[in-house]
């Protein structure tokens, strides 16, 4: 091939490539000829209000259950009965109703008084802390002034005496408040003992499921503190015992439900809190919570490990979104919503966190289109296109095509 023929062939090849590139730059699909959609592919869901529970999961062990004796530590009149001896009862079921209005009122009043005493102690302690901190600073300042001749030793002595007096007053006052607080706490604990196995309506509830071996309550009669109201045979049933912290224990109540998962048998059960220890373990400083497992639970053996999830701190009619939709940058939490096919950055405040969902207390409103897949690839103002189907195709968008190239994406 001579030089002239070679140059002609090269020119023809360049023209062919140019025409091909021009065809690709039109943004059309190779098969359909439709224009390829622009923007980052995302999936969205409409923001709505729902109910959310805070979840606290702790580990415990399965244990063999024993016969349950239901006692009420007060003589009271029975106003209604709901079971008979020989019945099968479930944990948390009402057995009878007692006339305990005055006792329940006393418990509520004692609890309010105790909480008030705790608040007074904390408030007074804070006041003393600030006062003594100022007096300690005054002593230090006077000593520094003394070094340069701007204060006398007498002034320092007087300031130190005042500080010592305040410290003595603080110790005496707080000791008195603490003594009163412990007295109120003792009253509450005594009434809690009386009301063990009794709910807020005066119903005596079964602490566990099983067969009602004996039942001594009669409508219109009286129950005695010296005789059990009922005896429940739960010998074939199992229970779960867990240790919880002082932060969690005030949020739990006998009769509340919890979810129990036992991986050894692959079982999940809804259980009922039977009892909560009133005192912490001396070594661990944790409180023992006992839950009754359903009688139909099979394959459980004493010593198996179980995960117990308590549901606390309910928020109703609040904005709830998937947790993965919320992004974090430093101390800021934010989401993306879609408005007019454009991503909008929205800073949010979060509240409770549940099973895969998070409460949003500010920043979002019901009806907005929240980005739930693809949000990690967005910036404020980015054009987006909403897609559905396999989320994997959304999570890894292709880079923007260079000029003259066809993205190959429909």
Protein backbone atom coordinates (compact mmCIF):
# COMPACT_ATOMS: atom_id res chain seq x y z
CA UNK A 1 0.00 0.00 0.00
CA UNK A 2 1.49 3.35 -1.03
CA UNK A 3 1.40 6.44 1.16
CA UNK A 4 -1.61 7.97 -0.64
CA UNK A 5 -3.73 4.82 -0.22
CA UNK A 6 -2.74 4.56 3.48
CA UNK A 7 -3.84 8.14 4.22
CA UNK A 8 -7.16 7.57 2.47
CA UNK A 9 -7.86 4.42 4.53
CA UNK A 10 -6.95 6.24 7.75
CA UNK A 11 -9.33 9.12 6.94
CA UNK A 12 -12.16 6.69 6.22
CA UNK A 13 -11.63 4.93 9.56
CA UNK A 14 -11.70 8.26 11.44
CA UNK A 15 -14.98 9.23 9.76
CA UNK A 16 -16.53 5.88 10.70
CA UNK A 17 -15.54 6.27 14.36
CA UNK A 18 -16.84 9.83 14.39
CA UNK A 19 -20.24 8.77 13.09
CA UNK A 20 -20.41 5.97 15.68
CA UNK A 21 -19.56 8.39 18.49
CA UNK A 22 -22.15 10.85 17.27
CA UNK A 23 -24.75 8.09 17.34
CA UNK A 24 -23.85 7.25 20.98
CA UNK A 25 -23.93 10.81 22.25
CA UNK A 26 -27.65 11.08 21.67
CA UNK A 27 -28.31 9.27 25.00
CA UNK A 28 -30.52 6.63 23.36
CA UNK A 29 -30.85 2.97 24.22
CA UNK A 30 -29.19 0.75 21.62
CA UNK A 31 -32.17 -1.61 21.43
CA UNK A 32 -35.22 0.66 21.88
CA UNK A 33 -33.88 4.01 20.79
CA UNK A 34 -35.46 5.63 23.91
CA UNK A 35 -33.58 8.38 25.71
CA UNK A 36 -31.63 7.02 28.73
CA UNK A 37 -33.01 8.46 32.02
CA UNK A 38 -30.77 10.90 33.88
CA UNK A 39 -29.93 11.05 37.57
CA UNK A 40 -28.84 8.73 40.37
CA UNK A 41 -31.04 5.64 40.67
CA UNK A 42 -32.76 5.46 44.09
CA UNK A 43 -35.63 3.73 45.83
CA UNK A 44 -38.03 5.68 48.05
CA UNK A 45 -40.87 5.15 50.45
CA UNK A 46 -43.49 7.56 51.69
CA UNK A 47 -42.90 8.95 55.18
CA UNK A 48 -45.72 8.03 57.57
CA UNK A 49 -46.57 8.01 61.26
CA UNK A 50 -46.46 4.79 63.26
CA UNK A 51 -45.80 3.38 66.74
CA UNK A 52 -42.28 2.51 67.86
CA UNK A 53 -40.88 0.70 70.90
CA UNK A 54 -37.39 1.03 72.30
CA UNK A 55 -35.84 -2.44 72.45
CA UNK A 56 -33.41 -3.70 75.06
CA UNK A 57 -31.94 -7.17 74.53
CA UNK A 58 -30.16 -9.08 77.31
CA UNK A 59 -28.96 -12.66 77.58
CA UNK A 60 -30.20 -15.15 80.14
CA UNK A 61 -30.69 -18.86 80.76
CA UNK A 62 -33.54 -21.31 80.66
CA UNK A 63 -34.41 -22.91 84.00
CA UNK A 64 -36.86 -25.58 85.09
CA UNK A 65 -40.02 -24.12 86.59
CA UNK A 66 -41.49 -25.07 89.94
CA UNK A 67 -44.89 -24.94 91.53
CA UNK A 68 -46.09 -21.34 91.91
CA UNK A 69 -47.85 -20.24 95.09
CA UNK A 70 -49.84 -17.03 94.74
CA UNK A 71 -50.02 -15.05 98.01
CA UNK A 72 -51.48 -11.64 98.82
CA UNK A 73 -49.96 -10.09 101.95
CA UNK A 74 -53.20 -8.44 103.11
CA UNK A 75 -56.71 -9.49 104.08
CA UNK A 76 -59.09 -8.30 101.36
CA UNK A 77 -62.60 -8.89 100.04
CA UNK A 78 -62.94 -10.77 96.75
CA UNK A 79 -65.33 -9.00 94.38
CA UNK A 80 -65.08 -11.36 91.37
CA UNK A 81 -63.54 -14.69 90.35
CA UNK A 82 -62.66 -15.81 86.82
CA UNK A 83 -61.30 -19.36 87.18
CA UNK A 84 -61.86 -22.61 89.04
CA UNK A 85 -59.53 -25.25 90.45
CA UNK A 86 -58.42 -27.59 87.66
CA UNK A 87 -58.39 -24.88 84.97
CA UNK A 88 -55.38 -24.32 82.75
CA UNK A 89 -54.22 -20.73 83.20
CA UNK A 90 -51.60 -18.67 81.41
CA UNK A 91 -49.06 -16.27 82.87
CA UNK A 92 -50.55 -12.82 83.44
CA UNK A 93 -54.16 -14.09 83.41
CA UNK A 94 -56.50 -12.53 85.98
CA UNK A 95 -57.65 -15.08 88.57
CA UNK A 96 -59.85 -12.85 90.73
CA UNK A 97 -60.40 -9.21 91.70
CA UNK A 98 -59.82 -7.94 95.25
CA UNK A 99 -61.07 -4.79 96.93
CA UNK A 100 -57.68 -3.07 97.20
CA UNK A 101 -58.51 0.53 96.31
CA UNK A 102 -57.10 1.94 99.54
CA UNK A 103 -53.92 -0.15 99.28
CA UNK A 104 -53.38 0.83 95.66
CA UNK A 105 -53.96 4.49 96.53
CA UNK A 106 -51.49 4.22 99.40
CA UNK A 107 -48.92 2.67 97.07
CA UNK A 108 -49.34 5.41 94.46
CA UNK A 109 -49.10 8.11 97.14
CA UNK A 110 -46.02 6.49 98.71
CA UNK A 111 -44.36 6.20 95.32
CA UNK A 112 -45.01 9.88 94.53
CA UNK A 113 -43.64 10.89 97.94
CA UNK A 114 -40.52 8.80 97.42
CA UNK A 115 -39.88 10.25 93.95
CA UNK A 116 -40.37 13.75 95.37
CA UNK A 117 -37.86 13.02 98.15
CA UNK A 118 -35.33 11.80 95.60
CA UNK A 119 -35.80 14.97 93.55
CA UNK A 120 -35.43 17.18 96.66
CA UNK A 121 -32.21 15.40 97.63
CA UNK A 122 -30.75 15.83 94.15
CA UNK A 123 -31.78 19.50 93.95
CA UNK A 124 -30.35 20.33 97.38
CA UNK A 125 -27.11 18.47 96.62
CA UNK A 126 -26.70 20.51 93.43
CA UNK A 127 -27.23 23.79 95.31
CA UNK A 128 -24.63 22.88 97.92
CA UNK A 129 -22.19 21.79 95.22
CA UNK A 130 -22.35 25.20 93.51
CA UNK A 131 -22.17 27.10 96.80
CA UNK A 132 -19.14 25.22 98.09
CA UNK A 133 -17.39 25.44 94.72
CA UNK A 134 -17.68 29.24 94.87
CA UNK A 135 -16.39 29.36 98.44
CA UNK A 136 -13.42 27.12 97.57
CA UNK A 137 -12.58 29.46 94.69
CA UNK A 138 -12.82 32.43 97.05
CA UNK A 139 -10.29 30.85 99.40
CA UNK A 140 -7.89 30.18 96.52
CA UNK A 141 -8.26 33.73 95.23
CA UNK A 142 -7.59 35.23 98.67
CA UNK A 143 -4.45 33.13 99.03
CA UNK A 144 -3.17 34.40 95.70
CA UNK A 145 -3.93 38.00 96.73
CA UNK A 146 -2.17 37.40 100.01
CA UNK A 147 0.99 36.46 98.12
CA UNK A 148 1.09 39.91 96.52
CA UNK A 149 0.00 41.73 99.66
CA UNK A 150 -3.55 42.48 98.51
CA UNK A 151 -5.32 40.36 101.18
CA UNK A 152 -4.80 39.63 104.86
CA UNK A 153 -4.49 36.35 106.72
CA UNK A 154 -7.65 37.26 108.65
CA UNK A 155 -9.65 37.38 105.42
CA UNK A 156 -8.31 33.96 104.44
CA UNK A 157 -9.17 32.51 107.88
CA UNK A 158 -12.72 33.88 107.70
CA UNK A 159 -13.23 32.45 104.21
CA UNK A 160 -11.97 29.03 105.30
CA UNK A 161 -14.29 29.04 108.34
CA UNK A 162 -17.23 29.90 106.11
CA UNK A 163 -16.30 27.05 103.77
CA UNK A 164 -16.06 24.57 106.64
CA UNK A 165 -19.43 25.73 107.97
CA UNK A 166 -21.05 25.24 104.56
CA UNK A 167 -19.54 21.78 104.24
CA UNK A 168 -20.87 20.79 107.65
CA UNK A 169 -24.31 22.16 106.81
CA UNK A 170 -24.30 20.27 103.53
CA UNK A 171 -23.38 16.96 105.18
CA UNK A 172 -26.01 17.36 107.89
CA UNK A 173 -28.81 18.45 105.51
CA UNK A 174 -28.14 15.74 102.94
CA UNK A 175 -27.93 13.11 105.67
CA UNK A 176 -31.40 14.10 106.91
CA UNK A 177 -32.80 14.12 103.38
CA UNK A 178 -31.28 10.73 102.66
CA UNK A 179 -32.75 9.27 105.84
CA UNK A 180 -36.20 10.50 104.82
CA UNK A 181 -35.72 9.23 101.30
CA UNK A 182 -34.78 5.74 102.55
CA UNK A 183 -37.82 5.73 104.83
CA UNK A 184 -40.12 6.56 101.92
CA UNK A 185 -38.41 3.91 99.82
CA UNK A 186 -39.02 1.34 102.56
CA UNK A 187 -42.73 2.21 102.56
CA UNK A 188 -42.89 1.73 98.80
CA UNK A 189 -41.12 -1.63 98.99
CA UNK A 190 -43.45 -2.86 101.73
CA UNK A 191 -46.51 -1.95 99.66
CA UNK A 192 -44.92 -3.57 96.59
CA UNK A 193 -44.64 -6.77 98.62
CA UNK A 194 -48.34 -6.55 99.48
CA UNK A 195 -49.20 -5.98 95.82
CA UNK A 196 -46.98 -8.68 94.38
CA UNK A 197 -48.98 -10.65 91.77
CA UNK A 198 -51.62 -7.87 91.79
CA UNK A 199 -52.07 -5.48 88.84
CA UNK A 200 -53.13 -1.81 88.90
CA UNK A 201 -56.83 -2.77 88.78
CA UNK A 202 -56.70 -5.03 91.84
CA UNK A 203 -56.66 -8.26 89.82
CA UNK A 204 -54.65 -11.15 91.20
CA UNK A 205 -52.73 -12.44 88.18
CA UNK A 206 -51.15 -15.82 87.55
CA UNK A 207 -47.34 -15.54 87.77
CA UNK A 208 -46.91 -18.52 85.43
CA UNK A 209 -48.85 -20.80 83.14
CA UNK A 210 -50.00 -24.24 84.24
CA UNK A 211 -52.76 -26.14 85.99
CA UNK A 212 -54.62 -24.40 88.82
CA UNK A 213 -54.16 -27.02 91.55
CA UNK A 214 -56.07 -25.05 94.21
CA UNK A 215 -58.05 -21.82 94.29
CA UNK A 216 -59.20 -20.32 97.58
CA UNK A 217 -60.91 -17.11 96.47
CA UNK A 218 -64.72 -16.95 96.62
CA UNK A 219 -66.75 -14.05 95.26
CA UNK A 220 -68.05 -12.04 98.19
CA UNK A 221 -65.64 -13.73 100.62
CA UNK A 222 -62.26 -12.66 101.98
CA UNK A 223 -58.77 -13.83 101.15
CA UNK A 224 -56.25 -14.13 103.96
CA UNK A 225 -52.61 -13.12 104.04
CA UNK A 226 -51.86 -16.46 105.74
CA UNK A 227 -53.34 -18.66 103.00
CA UNK A 228 -52.41 -18.77 99.29
CA UNK A 229 -55.01 -17.46 96.90
CA UNK A 230 -53.97 -20.08 94.37
CA UNK A 231 -51.41 -22.79 93.66
CA UNK A 232 -50.35 -23.36 90.04
CA UNK A 233 -48.60 -26.54 88.99
CA UNK A 234 -46.07 -25.54 86.33
CA UNK A 235 -43.71 -28.50 86.68
CA UNK A 236 -43.63 -29.16 82.93
CA UNK A 237 -43.00 -25.54 82.08
CA UNK A 238 -39.73 -23.65 81.71
CA UNK A 239 -38.77 -20.12 82.68
CA UNK A 240 -36.09 -17.61 81.69
CA UNK A 241 -33.98 -15.70 84.19
CA UNK A 242 -32.03 -12.61 83.12
CA UNK A 243 -30.01 -9.91 84.87
CA UNK A 244 -30.84 -6.29 83.98
CA UNK A 245 -29.26 -2.95 84.89
CA UNK A 246 -30.63 -0.30 87.22
CA UNK A 247 -31.37 1.85 84.15
CA UNK A 248 -33.69 -0.78 82.64
CA UNK A 249 -35.39 -2.24 85.72
CA UNK A 250 -37.65 0.81 86.46
CA UNK A 251 -39.17 0.43 82.98
CA UNK A 252 -40.30 -3.17 83.54
CA UNK A 253 -43.49 -4.35 85.21
CA UNK A 254 -44.81 -7.78 86.15
CA UNK A 255 -47.26 -8.89 83.47
CA UNK A 256 -45.43 -7.08 80.64
CA UNK A 257 -44.59 -9.17 77.58
CA UNK A 258 -41.13 -9.70 76.09
CA UNK A 259 -39.69 -11.65 73.15
CA UNK A 260 -37.47 -14.65 73.91
CA UNK A 261 -35.25 -16.29 71.29
CA UNK A 262 -33.52 -19.63 72.00
CA UNK A 263 -30.98 -20.36 69.26
CA UNK A 264 -30.35 -23.94 70.44
CA UNK A 265 -33.84 -24.97 69.33
CA UNK A 266 -34.41 -22.20 66.81
CA UNK A 267 -37.46 -21.03 68.72
CA UNK A 268 -38.94 -17.59 69.38
CA UNK A 269 -41.61 -17.07 72.03
CA UNK A 270 -43.70 -14.28 73.52
CA UNK A 271 -43.13 -14.44 77.27
CA UNK A 272 -44.53 -12.67 80.30
CA UNK A 273 -42.56 -11.06 83.10
CA UNK A 274 -43.38 -13.02 86.23
CA UNK A 275 -41.31 -11.23 88.84
CA UNK A 276 -38.64 -8.57 89.30
CA UNK A 277 -36.22 -8.71 92.22
CA UNK A 278 -36.44 -5.67 94.49
CA UNK A 279 -32.74 -5.71 95.40
CA UNK A 280 -29.67 -5.89 93.19
CA UNK A 281 -27.14 -8.70 93.38
CA UNK A 282 -24.34 -7.64 95.76
CA UNK A 283 -21.58 -8.67 93.33
CA UNK A 284 -22.99 -7.77 89.91
CA UNK A 285 -25.25 -4.87 90.99
CA UNK A 286 -27.86 -6.25 88.56
CA UNK A 287 -31.51 -7.14 89.13
CA UNK A 288 -32.98 -10.59 88.38
CA UNK A 289 -36.04 -10.69 86.13
CA UNK A 290 -37.94 -13.97 85.71
CA UNK A 291 -40.14 -14.63 82.68
CA UNK A 292 -42.56 -17.49 82.07
CA UNK A 293 -42.30 -19.35 78.77
CA UNK A 294 -45.44 -20.64 77.01
CA UNK A 295 -46.49 -24.12 78.07
CA UNK A 296 -46.45 -25.28 74.43
CA UNK A 297 -42.75 -24.44 73.99
CA UNK A 298 -41.00 -27.71 73.18
CA UNK A 299 -37.40 -28.94 73.21
CA UNK A 300 -36.22 -26.52 75.88
CA UNK A 301 -33.71 -27.76 78.45
CA UNK A 302 -32.46 -26.13 81.64
CA UNK A 303 -29.19 -24.30 81.04
CA UNK A 304 -29.88 -23.27 77.44
CA UNK A 305 -29.04 -19.67 76.61
CA UNK A 306 -31.78 -17.25 75.59
CA UNK A 307 -31.90 -13.68 74.29
CA UNK A 308 -34.69 -11.63 75.86
CA UNK A 309 -35.89 -8.44 74.18
CA UNK A 310 -37.87 -6.01 76.35
CA UNK A 311 -40.08 -3.39 74.66
CA UNK A 312 -40.05 -0.08 76.54
CA UNK A 313 -40.55 3.67 76.00
CA UNK A 314 -43.41 3.58 73.51
CA UNK A 315 -43.95 6.50 71.09
CA UNK A 316 -47.28 6.54 69.26
CA UNK A 317 -48.30 8.45 66.13
CA UNK A 318 -44.70 9.50 65.44
CA UNK A 319 -42.59 9.56 62.27
CA UNK A 320 -40.85 6.19 61.88
CA UNK A 321 -38.34 5.43 59.09
CA UNK A 322 -35.98 2.56 58.22
CA UNK A 323 -32.79 2.95 60.23
CA UNK A 324 -30.57 2.51 57.16
CA UNK A 325 -32.15 5.63 55.60
CA UNK A 326 -30.55 7.81 58.29
CA UNK A 327 -26.96 8.88 57.56
CA UNK A 328 -24.46 10.33 60.04
CA UNK A 329 -21.68 12.87 59.60
CA UNK A 330 -19.95 13.75 62.87
CA UNK A 331 -22.68 14.79 65.29
CA UNK A 332 -25.17 15.49 62.48
CA UNK A 333 -27.77 12.99 61.30
CA UNK A 334 -29.54 13.51 58.00
CA UNK A 335 -31.62 11.92 55.25
CA UNK A 336 -32.44 12.62 51.61
CA UNK A 337 -35.93 13.19 50.27
CA UNK A 338 -36.99 13.51 46.65
CA UNK A 339 -38.72 16.67 45.45
CA UNK A 340 -39.28 17.25 41.69
CA UNK A 341 -36.84 14.44 40.82
CA UNK A 342 -34.14 16.17 42.85
CA UNK A 343 -32.42 14.95 46.03
CA UNK A 344 -32.87 17.28 49.00
CA UNK A 345 -30.61 17.07 52.07
CA UNK A 346 -32.63 17.19 55.32
CA UNK A 347 -31.05 17.30 58.79
CA UNK A 348 -33.10 15.30 61.31
CA UNK A 349 -33.31 14.62 65.03
CA UNK A 350 -33.74 10.98 66.01
CA UNK A 351 -35.59 9.53 68.97
CA UNK A 352 -36.24 5.90 69.83
CA UNK A 353 -34.62 3.07 67.89
CA UNK A 354 -36.51 -0.20 67.42
CA UNK A 355 -36.09 -3.32 65.31
CA UNK A 356 -34.66 -1.88 62.10
CA UNK A 357 -36.58 1.39 62.44
CA UNK A 358 -35.83 4.79 63.96
CA UNK A 359 -38.09 7.57 65.26
CA UNK A 360 -37.61 11.01 63.70
CA UNK A 361 -38.64 13.76 66.12
CA UNK A 362 -37.91 16.68 63.78
CA UNK A 363 -36.99 17.28 60.15
CA UNK A 364 -39.50 15.06 58.32
CA UNK A 365 -43.23 15.21 57.69
CA UNK A 366 -45.71 12.55 56.68
CA UNK A 367 -46.12 12.27 52.92
CA UNK A 368 -42.55 13.13 51.92
CA UNK A 369 -40.65 10.75 49.62
CA UNK A 370 -37.74 9.37 51.67
CA UNK A 371 -34.75 7.81 49.90
CA UNK A 372 -34.20 4.34 51.38
CA UNK A 373 -31.76 2.86 48.86
CA UNK A 374 -29.00 4.80 47.11
CA UNK A 375 -28.83 7.63 49.66
CA UNK A 376 -25.12 7.07 50.30
CA UNK A 377 -24.35 8.22 46.74
CA UNK A 378 -26.34 11.47 46.89
CA UNK A 379 -25.50 15.11 47.45
CA UNK A 380 -27.96 17.94 47.94
CA UNK A 381 -29.46 18.97 44.59
CA UNK A 382 -28.49 15.83 42.66
CA UNK A 383 -30.99 14.77 39.96
CA UNK A 384 -32.46 11.36 40.78
CA UNK A 385 -34.64 8.74 39.13
CA UNK A 386 -36.88 6.53 41.23
CA UNK A 387 -36.66 2.83 40.44
CA UNK A 388 -38.10 -0.34 41.97
CA UNK A 389 -36.99 -3.94 42.10
CA UNK A 390 -33.60 -5.34 43.05
CA UNK A 391 -31.96 -2.90 45.45
CA UNK A 392 -28.50 -4.11 44.46
CA UNK A 393 -28.81 -2.35 41.12
CA UNK A 394 -29.36 0.89 42.99
CA UNK A 395 -26.56 0.71 45.52
CA UNK A 396 -23.68 0.82 42.98
CA UNK A 397 -24.43 3.43 40.29
CA UNK A 398 -22.13 3.59 37.27
CA UNK A 399 -19.91 6.67 36.90
CA UNK A 400 -21.17 9.39 34.56
CA UNK A 401 -20.22 8.62 30.90
CA UNK A 402 -17.55 10.72 29.26
CA UNK A 403 -18.47 12.98 26.32
CA UNK A 404 -19.28 10.95 23.25
CA UNK A 405 -19.80 7.68 25.12
CA UNK A 406 -23.04 5.75 25.54
CA UNK A 407 -23.72 4.75 29.15
CA UNK A 408 -25.47 1.58 28.00
CA UNK A 409 -28.08 2.10 30.74
CA UNK A 410 -31.73 2.21 29.80
